[in-house]
Amino acid sequence: MHFASHDAYKLLVDDHLSPALRTRGFKGSAGRYELPTISHWSLVELQKSQFSDRTHLTFTANLFVVRRDQWQQKSRRVSIFGLTPRPGHIRDLSDQTRLGMLASPDDVDDWYGLSQDTDVGVLAKALLADLDEFGIPWLKAMASSR
């Protein structure tokens, strides 16, 4: 059965990534996840490329770590930031990277590709392997160093 790329992406996230991330200790859904700690926001947020279409979609996983107390102080002063940080906000308070950058042997910003013929199970395994090898250790290291 062939899916449009956006349907396959939803299947990837809802049926493969979200449950697998929960087994790794993350909370969240729909492409936005938190690895809970008392002292830090440690987040993974999926981002679809604006250049995706019905036949091909590219996406990345943004990783973000910020101390909770720093975020709380900043969000009190700047109300648009809200209670929970999002990747891209307040770069001076946080450590941010993309999973594809961490996993790339050439230190380039690799994005994950999804087309109508992609086996979403295989893609999920590849992304989760990158997260296990590079992403989760990075999140933990950044949270312990700030």
C-alpha atoms as a PDB file:
ATOM      1  CA  MET A   1       0.000   0.000   0.000  1.00  0.00           C
ATOM      2  CA  HIS A   2       1.333   3.463  -0.916  1.00  0.00           C
ATOM      3  CA  PHE A   3       0.770   6.505   1.234  1.00  0.00           C
ATOM      4  CA  ALA A   4       1.210  10.164   0.462  1.00  0.00           C
ATOM      5  CA  SER A   5       4.386  11.375   2.150  1.00  0.00           C
ATOM      6  CA  HIS A   6       2.478  13.330   4.820  1.00  0.00           C
ATOM      7  CA  ASP A   7       0.368  10.263   5.652  1.00  0.00           C
ATOM      8  CA  ALA A   8       3.523   8.151   5.884  1.00  0.00           C
ATOM      9  CA  TYR A   9       5.090  10.781   8.166  1.00  0.00           C
ATOM     10  CA  LYS A  10       2.076  10.673  10.492  1.00  0.00           C
ATOM     11  CA  LEU A  11       2.303   6.872  10.561  1.00  0.00           C
ATOM     12  CA  LEU A  12       6.041   7.079  11.276  1.00  0.00           C
ATOM     13  CA  VAL A  13       5.542   9.471  14.195  1.00  0.00           C
ATOM     14  CA  ASP A  14       2.361   8.034  15.719  1.00  0.00           C
ATOM     15  CA  ASP A  15       2.954   4.306  15.283  1.00  0.00           C
ATOM     16  CA  HIS A  16       6.741   4.023  15.442  1.00  0.00           C
ATOM     17  CA  LEU A  17       8.592   6.978  16.951  1.00  0.00           C
ATOM     18  CA  SER A  18       6.232   8.066  19.741  1.00  0.00           C
ATOM     19  CA  PRO A  19       5.877   4.600  21.319  1.00  0.00           C
ATOM     20  CA  ALA A  20       9.608   3.888  20.957  1.00  0.00           C
ATOM     21  CA  LEU A  21      10.560   7.216  22.529  1.00  0.00           C
ATOM     22  CA  ARG A  22       8.247   6.548  25.466  1.00  0.00           C
ATOM     23  CA  THR A  23      10.056   3.248  26.109  1.00  0.00           C
ATOM     24  CA  ARG A  24      13.281   5.308  26.253  1.00  0.00           C
ATOM     25  CA  GLY A  25      11.865   7.524  29.003  1.00  0.00           C
ATOM     26  CA  PHE A  26      10.538  10.410  26.905  1.00  0.00           C
ATOM     27  CA  LYS A  27       7.153  12.025  27.403  1.00  0.00           C
ATOM     28  CA  GLY A  28       5.228  13.621  24.576  1.00  0.00           C
ATOM     29  CA  SER A  29       3.658  12.949  21.213  1.00  0.00           C
ATOM     30  CA  ALA A  30       3.129  14.323  17.713  1.00  0.00           C
ATOM     31  CA  GLY A  31       6.812  15.025  17.114  1.00  0.00           C
ATOM     32  CA  ARG A  32       7.552  16.887  20.380  1.00  0.00           C
ATOM     33  CA  TYR A  33       9.174  14.997  23.250  1.00  0.00           C
ATOM     34  CA  GLU A  34      10.805  15.721  26.590  1.00  0.00           C
ATOM     35  CA  LEU A  35      13.353  13.593  28.410  1.00  0.00           C
ATOM     36  CA  PRO A  36      12.300  14.602  31.935  1.00  0.00           C
ATOM     37  CA  THR A  37      14.835  15.869  34.438  1.00  0.00           C
ATOM     38  CA  ILE A  38      14.350  18.067  37.480  1.00  0.00           C
ATOM     39  CA  SER A  39      16.924  20.657  36.450  1.00  0.00           C
ATOM     40  CA  HIS A  40      16.693  20.897  32.640  1.00  0.00           C
ATOM     41  CA  TRP A  41      14.378  20.931  29.688  1.00  0.00           C
ATOM     42  CA  SER A  42      15.806  18.234  27.386  1.00  0.00           C
ATOM     43  CA  LEU A  43      13.701  18.204  24.243  1.00  0.00           C
ATOM     44  CA  VAL A  44      13.485  16.489  20.881  1.00  0.00           C
ATOM     45  CA  GLU A  45      11.266  18.165  18.319  1.00  0.00           C
ATOM     46  CA  LEU A  46      10.709  16.930  14.782  1.00  0.00           C
ATOM     47  CA  GLN A  47      10.706  19.580  12.063  1.00  0.00           C
ATOM     48  CA  LYS A  48       9.382  19.014   8.556  1.00  0.00           C
ATOM     49  CA  SER A  49      11.049  20.849   5.705  1.00  0.00           C
ATOM     50  CA  GLN A  50       9.028  23.598   4.105  1.00  0.00           C
ATOM     51  CA  PHE A  51      10.038  22.162   0.726  1.00  0.00           C
ATOM     52  CA  SER A  52       8.237  18.854   1.259  1.00  0.00           C
ATOM     53  CA  ASP A  53       5.378  17.868  -0.993  1.00  0.00           C
ATOM     54  CA  ARG A  54       2.969  14.985  -1.543  1.00  0.00           C
ATOM     55  CA  THR A  55       5.632  12.668  -2.959  1.00  0.00           C
ATOM     56  CA  HIS A  56       8.670  13.505  -0.820  1.00  0.00           C
ATOM     57  CA  LEU A  57       9.064  14.857   2.689  1.00  0.00           C
ATOM     58  CA  THR A  58      12.255  15.632   4.563  1.00  0.00           C
ATOM     59  CA  PHE A  59      12.486  16.201   8.284  1.00  0.00           C
ATOM     60  CA  THR A  60      14.992  16.557  11.060  1.00  0.00           C
ATOM     61  CA  ALA A  61      15.063  16.115  14.819  1.00  0.00           C
ATOM     62  CA  ASN A  62      16.034  19.262  16.717  1.00  0.00           C
ATOM     63  CA  LEU A  63      17.638  18.676  20.111  1.00  0.00           C
ATOM     64  CA  PHE A  64      17.448  21.350  22.777  1.00  0.00           C
ATOM     65  CA  VAL A  65      18.680  21.605  26.382  1.00  0.00           C
ATOM     66  CA  VAL A  66      18.133  24.567  28.717  1.00  0.00           C
ATOM     67  CA  ARG A  67      18.163  24.905  32.488  1.00  0.00           C
ATOM     68  CA  ARG A  68      14.630  25.158  33.878  1.00  0.00           C
ATOM     69  CA  ASP A  69      15.457  28.052  36.199  1.00  0.00           C
ATOM     70  CA  GLN A  70      16.973  30.100  33.363  1.00  0.00           C
ATOM     71  CA  TRP A  71      13.981  29.431  31.133  1.00  0.00           C
ATOM     72  CA  GLN A  72      11.548  30.352  33.878  1.00  0.00           C
ATOM     73  CA  GLN A  73      13.326  33.671  34.525  1.00  0.00           C
ATOM     74  CA  LYS A  74      13.411  34.547  30.831  1.00  0.00           C
ATOM     75  CA  SER A  75       9.818  33.500  30.143  1.00  0.00           C
ATOM     76  CA  ARG A  76       8.583  35.727  32.979  1.00  0.00           C
ATOM     77  CA  ARG A  77      10.160  38.733  31.276  1.00  0.00           C
ATOM     78  CA  VAL A  78       9.203  37.789  27.718  1.00  0.00           C
ATOM     79  CA  SER A  79       5.706  36.310  27.803  1.00  0.00           C
ATOM     80  CA  ILE A  80       5.722  35.057  24.203  1.00  0.00           C
ATOM     81  CA  PHE A  81       8.181  32.312  25.136  1.00  0.00           C
ATOM     82  CA  GLY A  82       5.634  30.402  27.228  1.00  0.00           C
ATOM     83  CA  LEU A  83       6.153  27.879  29.976  1.00  0.00           C
ATOM     84  CA  THR A  84       7.866  25.266  27.821  1.00  0.00           C
ATOM     85  CA  PRO A  85      10.816  26.104  25.568  1.00  0.00           C
ATOM     86  CA  ARG A  86      10.881  25.296  21.884  1.00  0.00           C
ATOM     87  CA  PRO A  87      13.976  24.771  19.776  1.00  0.00           C
ATOM     88  CA  GLY A  88      15.084  28.056  18.256  1.00  0.00           C
ATOM     89  CA  HIS A  89      14.113  30.218  21.240  1.00  0.00           C
ATOM     90  CA  ILE A  90      16.747  32.000  23.293  1.00  0.00           C
ATOM     91  CA  ARG A  91      19.872  30.563  21.780  1.00  0.00           C
ATOM     92  CA  ASP A  92      22.068  32.191  24.417  1.00  0.00           C
ATOM     93  CA  LEU A  93      20.402  30.150  27.188  1.00  0.00           C
ATOM     94  CA  SER A  94      20.431  26.775  25.490  1.00  0.00           C
ATOM     95  CA  ASP A  95      22.433  24.138  23.721  1.00  0.00           C
ATOM     96  CA  GLN A  96      20.875  23.143  20.406  1.00  0.00           C
ATOM     97  CA  THR A  97      21.755  20.861  17.539  1.00  0.00           C
ATOM     98  CA  ARG A  98      20.139  18.559  15.010  1.00  0.00           C
ATOM     99  CA  LEU A  99      20.289  14.796  15.242  1.00  0.00           C
ATOM    100  CA  GLY A 100      21.429  14.520  11.625  1.00  0.00           C
ATOM    101  CA  MET A 101      24.370  16.801  12.398  1.00  0.00           C
ATOM    102  CA  LEU A 102      25.446  14.648  15.337  1.00  0.00           C
ATOM    103  CA  ALA A 103      25.061  11.414  13.383  1.00  0.00           C
ATOM    104  CA  SER A 104      26.723  12.650  10.194  1.00  0.00           C
ATOM    105  CA  PRO A 105      30.242  11.293   9.661  1.00  0.00           C
ATOM    106  CA  ASP A 106      30.952  14.395   7.548  1.00  0.00           C
ATOM    107  CA  ASP A 107      29.635  16.904  10.124  1.00  0.00           C
ATOM    108  CA  VAL A 108      26.848  18.071   7.800  1.00  0.00           C
ATOM    109  CA  ASP A 109      23.193  18.680   8.576  1.00  0.00           C
ATOM    110  CA  ASP A 110      21.671  15.462   7.207  1.00  0.00           C
ATOM    111  CA  TRP A 111      17.875  15.361   7.125  1.00  0.00           C
ATOM    112  CA  TYR A 112      15.780  12.209   6.980  1.00  0.00           C
ATOM    113  CA  GLY A 113      13.855  11.539   3.767  1.00  0.00           C
ATOM    114  CA  LEU A 114      10.452   9.997   3.366  1.00  0.00           C
ATOM    115  CA  SER A 115       8.802   9.202   0.060  1.00  0.00           C
ATOM    116  CA  GLN A 116       5.721   7.238  -0.871  1.00  0.00           C
ATOM    117  CA  ASP A 117       7.760   4.048  -1.146  1.00  0.00           C
ATOM    118  CA  THR A 118       9.694   4.411   2.127  1.00  0.00           C
ATOM    119  CA  ASP A 119       9.391   1.583   4.612  1.00  0.00           C
ATOM    120  CA  VAL A 120       8.511   3.660   7.686  1.00  0.00           C
ATOM    121  CA  GLY A 121       9.577   0.850  10.031  1.00  0.00           C
ATOM    122  CA  VAL A 122      13.083   0.831   8.571  1.00  0.00           C
ATOM    123  CA  LEU A 123      13.269   4.633   8.684  1.00  0.00           C
ATOM    124  CA  ALA A 124      12.087   4.642  12.315  1.00  0.00           C
ATOM    125  CA  LYS A 125      14.781   2.118  13.254  1.00  0.00           C
ATOM    126  CA  ALA A 126      17.468   4.257  11.586  1.00  0.00           C
ATOM    127  CA  LEU A 127      16.333   7.444  13.323  1.00  0.00           C
ATOM    128  CA  LEU A 128      16.051   5.682  16.692  1.00  0.00           C
ATOM    129  CA  ALA A 129      19.514   4.153  16.247  1.00  0.00           C
ATOM    130  CA  ASP A 130      20.894   7.673  15.644  1.00  0.00           C
ATOM    131  CA  LEU A 131      19.022   8.936  18.680  1.00  0.00           C
ATOM    132  CA  ASP A 132      20.348   6.089  20.859  1.00  0.00           C
ATOM    133  CA  GLU A 133      23.941   6.466  19.687  1.00  0.00           C
ATOM    134  CA  PHE A 134      24.188  10.242  19.366  1.00  0.00           C
ATOM    135  CA  GLY A 135      21.076  12.134  20.463  1.00  0.00           C
ATOM    136  CA  ILE A 136      20.326  10.810  23.943  1.00  0.00           C
ATOM    137  CA  PRO A 137      23.997  10.892  24.998  1.00  0.00           C
ATOM    138  CA  TRP A 138      24.194  14.500  23.727  1.00  0.00           C
ATOM    139  CA  LEU A 139      21.057  15.499  25.663  1.00  0.00           C
ATOM    140  CA  LYS A 140      22.425  13.937  28.851  1.00  0.00           C
ATOM    141  CA  ALA A 141      25.890  15.454  28.411  1.00  0.00           C
ATOM    142  CA  MET A 142      24.499  18.953  27.815  1.00  0.00           C
ATOM    143  CA  ALA A 143      22.181  18.681  30.825  1.00  0.00           C
ATOM    144  CA  SER A 144      25.046  17.633  33.074  1.00  0.00           C
ATOM    145  CA  SER A 145      27.410  20.343  31.819  1.00  0.00           C
ATOM    146  CA  ARG A 146      25.147  23.402  32.222  1.00  0.00           C
END
